Protein backbone atom coordinates (compact mmCIF):
# COMPACT_ATOMS: atom_id res chain seq x y z
CA MET A 1 0.19 -0.01 0.04
CA ASN A 2 0.81 3.78 -0.22
CA PRO A 3 1.76 5.70 2.65
CA VAL A 4 1.53 9.20 3.82
CA ARG A 5 3.78 11.40 5.51
CA LEU A 6 2.11 12.33 9.06
CA GLY A 7 5.57 13.84 11.43
CA SER A 8 7.99 11.25 11.64
CA ASP A 9 5.84 8.35 11.00
CA GLN A 10 3.95 6.63 7.94
CA ALA A 11 -0.09 6.25 7.69
CA TYR A 12 -1.77 3.90 5.12
CA SER A 13 -4.97 4.93 3.99
CA SER A 14 -7.56 2.43 2.73
CA LYS A 15 -8.99 4.82 0.74
CA VAL A 16 -9.33 8.72 -0.19
CA VAL A 17 -12.73 10.43 -0.16
CA CYS A 18 -13.60 13.51 -2.33
CA ILE A 19 -15.82 16.02 -2.32
CA GLY A 20 -16.77 17.95 -5.34
CA ARG A 21 -18.18 21.08 -6.22
CA ASN A 22 -17.86 22.35 -2.74
CA TYR A 23 -16.88 25.89 -3.00
CA LEU A 24 -19.45 28.28 -5.20
CA ASP A 25 -16.19 29.96 -7.10
CA HIS A 26 -15.12 26.77 -8.79
CA ILE A 27 -18.72 25.30 -9.24
CA THR A 28 -19.46 28.52 -11.53
CA GLU A 29 -15.89 28.62 -13.13
CA LEU A 30 -16.80 24.73 -14.74
CA GLY A 31 -20.07 25.83 -15.51
CA ASN A 32 -22.01 23.56 -12.83
CA LYS A 33 -24.80 23.31 -10.48
CA VAL A 34 -24.72 23.67 -6.99
CA PRO A 35 -25.77 20.34 -5.64
CA ARG A 36 -28.56 19.79 -2.73
CA GLU A 37 -25.85 17.54 -1.09
CA PRO A 38 -22.02 16.92 -1.26
CA VAL A 39 -21.11 15.45 -4.16
CA ILE A 40 -18.68 12.30 -3.10
CA PHE A 41 -16.39 10.13 -5.28
CA LEU A 42 -13.76 7.51 -4.15
CA LYS A 43 -9.64 7.49 -5.14
CA PRO A 44 -7.95 4.03 -4.36
CA ASN A 45 -4.69 4.03 -2.21
CA SER A 46 -3.11 2.93 -5.66
CA SER A 47 -3.82 6.36 -6.63
CA ILE A 48 -1.72 8.00 -3.61
CA SER A 49 1.26 9.41 -4.15
CA VAL A 50 4.16 12.16 -3.70
CA TYR A 51 5.31 13.03 -6.99
CA LEU A 52 3.26 14.73 -9.19
CA PHE A 53 2.96 13.39 -13.15
CA CYS A 54 1.09 14.87 -16.41
CA ASP A 55 0.55 13.32 -19.51
CA ASP A 56 0.06 16.19 -22.56
CA ASN A 57 -2.89 13.98 -24.20
CA ASP A 58 -5.15 13.19 -21.08
CA GLY A 59 -5.29 17.03 -20.41
CA ILE A 60 -4.85 16.68 -16.34
CA HIS A 61 -5.51 19.55 -14.10
CA TYR A 62 -4.56 20.10 -10.90
CA GLU A 63 -7.37 21.07 -7.69
CA GLY A 64 -5.60 22.01 -4.80
CA GLU A 65 -7.60 21.05 -1.78
CA LEU A 66 -7.76 20.60 2.21
CA SER A 67 -7.19 17.27 3.21
CA PHE A 68 -7.88 15.55 6.21
CA LEU A 69 -6.78 12.38 7.70
CA ILE A 70 -9.39 10.66 9.69
CA ARG A 71 -8.58 8.80 12.99
CA ALA A 72 -11.52 7.55 15.46
CA GLY A 73 -14.43 8.92 12.88
CA ARG A 74 -12.43 12.73 13.49
CA PRO A 75 -10.65 15.14 11.66
CA HIS A 76 -6.57 14.01 13.10
CA ALA A 77 -4.41 15.57 11.03
CA VAL A 78 -4.68 17.83 7.94
CA GLY A 79 -2.16 17.93 4.55
CA PHE A 80 -2.15 19.99 1.64
CA GLY A 81 -3.82 17.23 -1.81
CA LEU A 82 -3.57 17.64 -5.76
CA ASP A 83 -6.68 15.79 -6.27
CA LEU A 84 -5.53 15.33 -10.06
CA THR A 85 -8.02 15.32 -12.99
CA LYS A 86 -7.78 13.93 -16.35
CA ARG A 87 -10.49 16.73 -17.85
CA ASN A 88 -10.53 15.56 -21.00
CA VAL A 89 -11.68 11.76 -20.17
CA GLN A 90 -13.74 13.45 -17.36
CA ALA A 91 -15.62 15.76 -19.76
CA GLU A 92 -16.50 12.53 -22.31
CA LEU A 93 -17.64 10.38 -19.36
CA LYS A 94 -19.58 13.46 -17.63
CA ALA A 95 -21.56 13.44 -21.48
CA LYS A 96 -22.70 9.54 -21.49
CA GLY A 97 -23.50 9.94 -17.64
CA LEU A 98 -21.04 7.24 -16.63
CA PRO A 99 -18.41 7.19 -13.40
CA TRP A 100 -15.28 9.10 -13.26
CA GLU A 101 -13.56 7.00 -11.97
CA ARG A 102 -11.09 6.25 -15.39
CA ALA A 103 -10.70 10.65 -14.87
CA LYS A 104 -10.02 10.59 -11.30
CA ALA A 105 -8.51 7.64 -9.68
CA PHE A 106 -5.78 6.39 -11.87
CA ASP A 107 -2.58 5.98 -10.35
CA GLY A 108 -0.84 8.68 -8.95
CA ALA A 109 -4.53 10.74 -9.22
CA ALA A 110 -3.95 11.78 -5.40
CA VAL A 111 -0.96 14.04 -4.66
CA PHE A 112 -0.07 14.42 -0.81
CA SER A 113 1.95 16.65 1.35
CA HIS A 114 2.95 15.61 4.98
CA PHE A 115 0.11 15.70 7.20
CA VAL A 116 0.09 17.95 10.75
CA LYS A 117 -1.57 16.45 14.04
CA ILE A 118 -4.75 18.98 13.95
CA GLU A 119 -4.54 20.32 17.53
CA GLY A 120 -7.65 23.05 17.81
CA ASP A 121 -10.44 23.78 15.74
CA VAL A 122 -10.48 23.44 11.99
CA ALA A 123 -12.68 26.05 10.85
CA LYS A 124 -10.16 29.02 10.26
CA LEU A 125 -7.92 26.16 8.03
CA ASN A 126 -6.99 27.80 4.61
CA LEU A 127 -4.99 26.67 1.68
CA GLU A 128 -2.91 28.17 -0.91
CA LEU A 129 -1.33 26.82 -4.09
CA GLN A 130 1.77 28.93 -6.40
CA ILE A 131 2.37 27.60 -9.48
CA ASN A 132 5.98 28.98 -10.93
CA GLY A 133 5.85 31.78 -7.97
CA ARG A 134 2.11 32.91 -8.62
CA MET A 135 -0.64 32.59 -6.48
CA GLU A 136 -3.22 30.21 -8.21
CA GLN A 137 -5.33 29.21 -5.85
CA LYS A 138 -7.09 30.84 -2.12
CA GLY A 139 -9.60 29.11 -0.18
CA GLY A 140 -10.32 27.17 3.14
CA VAL A 141 -12.90 26.24 5.47
CA GLU A 142 -15.16 29.67 5.75
CA LEU A 143 -16.01 28.86 1.73
CA MET A 144 -16.84 25.80 1.74
CA LEU A 145 -20.67 25.07 0.86
CA HIS A 146 -20.35 22.01 3.27
CA LYS A 147 -17.97 22.06 6.73
CA PRO A 148 -15.44 19.49 7.04
CA LEU A 149 -17.09 17.70 10.02
CA ASP A 150 -20.59 18.09 8.57
CA LEU A 151 -19.14 16.54 5.63
CA ILE A 152 -17.01 13.31 8.12
CA GLU A 153 -20.74 12.85 9.37
CA HIS A 154 -22.07 12.51 6.17
CA ILE A 155 -20.07 10.28 4.43
CA GLN A 156 -19.88 8.12 7.74
CA ARG A 157 -23.73 7.42 6.82
CA PHE A 158 -23.02 5.12 4.10
CA ILE A 159 -19.10 4.67 4.23
CA SER A 160 -16.96 3.36 7.18
CA LEU A 161 -14.08 6.13 7.62
CA GLU A 162 -11.06 3.58 8.46
CA ASP A 163 -8.38 5.28 10.36
CA ASN A 164 -6.40 6.92 8.60
CA ASP A 165 -8.62 7.57 5.82
CA ILE A 166 -8.34 10.81 4.08
CA VAL A 167 -11.15 13.11 3.16
CA MET A 168 -10.31 15.55 0.79
CA THR A 169 -12.98 18.68 1.13
CA GLY A 170 -13.37 20.32 -2.69
CA THR A 171 -11.17 22.98 -4.45
CA PRO A 172 -11.73 26.62 -4.71
CA LYS A 173 -11.10 28.37 -8.06
CA GLY A 174 -8.24 28.80 -9.82
CA VAL A 175 -7.86 24.85 -11.17
CA GLY A 176 -5.72 24.21 -14.65
CA ALA A 177 -3.42 22.69 -16.31
CA VAL A 178 -0.64 20.49 -15.06
CA ARG A 179 2.58 20.88 -17.32
CA PRO A 180 5.87 19.41 -17.18
CA GLY A 181 8.48 21.23 -15.28
CA ASP A 182 5.67 23.91 -13.21
CA ARG A 183 7.12 24.14 -9.58
CA PHE A 184 4.08 23.66 -7.10
CA THR A 185 3.99 24.96 -3.70
CA GLY A 186 0.78 24.01 -1.63
CA ARG A 187 0.50 25.50 1.97
CA VAL A 188 -1.66 25.08 4.92
CA LEU A 189 -2.37 27.65 6.95
CA ASP A 190 -4.56 28.23 10.10
CA GLY A 191 -5.91 31.41 10.13
CA GLN A 192 -2.87 33.55 9.39
CA SER A 193 -0.11 30.85 10.63
CA LEU A 194 2.01 28.60 9.00
CA LEU A 195 1.25 25.04 9.40
CA LEU A 196 2.97 23.40 6.42
CA GLU A 197 4.58 23.69 3.00
CA ALA A 198 5.12 21.42 0.36
CA SER A 199 6.42 21.68 -3.12
CA TRP A 200 6.24 19.26 -6.35
CA THR A 201 7.78 19.76 -9.74
CA ALA A 202 5.42 18.43 -12.59
CA ARG A 203 7.36 15.93 -14.76
CA LEU A 204 5.80 13.38 -17.61
CA ALA A 205 4.31 10.42 -16.53
CA SER A 206 6.79 8.48 -18.79
CA GLU A 207 9.72 9.77 -17.23
CA SER A 208 8.56 8.23 -14.14
């Protein structure tokens, strides 16, 4: 199984539970409708990676997200996640009314920083994503349509969250294509205080 890093330890997630359309501005930028309840899809453990790969043929897009590692049914730690999407494939699947797995659950589709244990309330958590030194995404719990604790409660009505499973809570506006050589820097902040920072340089999948 693929691990994520929690402090000096490794944690193994049986699955990644992802939330779509959880920021109004992102819903608008993709021309989607506002859902009445959370949009939920899964990524398997095999999608977890610490490397950022792209493929020009599939139009891979990034989505920066606050990501929570779950223990005892509660947020235990937070990290920065990149939900990668094969946007061209997703558009074809959506047009046919088919599931998204081919566009969302491929190997390397969930890229994570290390995780930091949560000491207080999650309400003030925010993310920032810079690409090549330019700010592309900013957002956080305050802007979410469905807050993290509510999401976790909703998920657990029909999916068991095992210890070390990860919940990705959706992305703010500013998504775009991943290009070879792009330098991504993701940050998680508690209010104005920096909790963690991680960087990746995008490489072609053929270079793996």
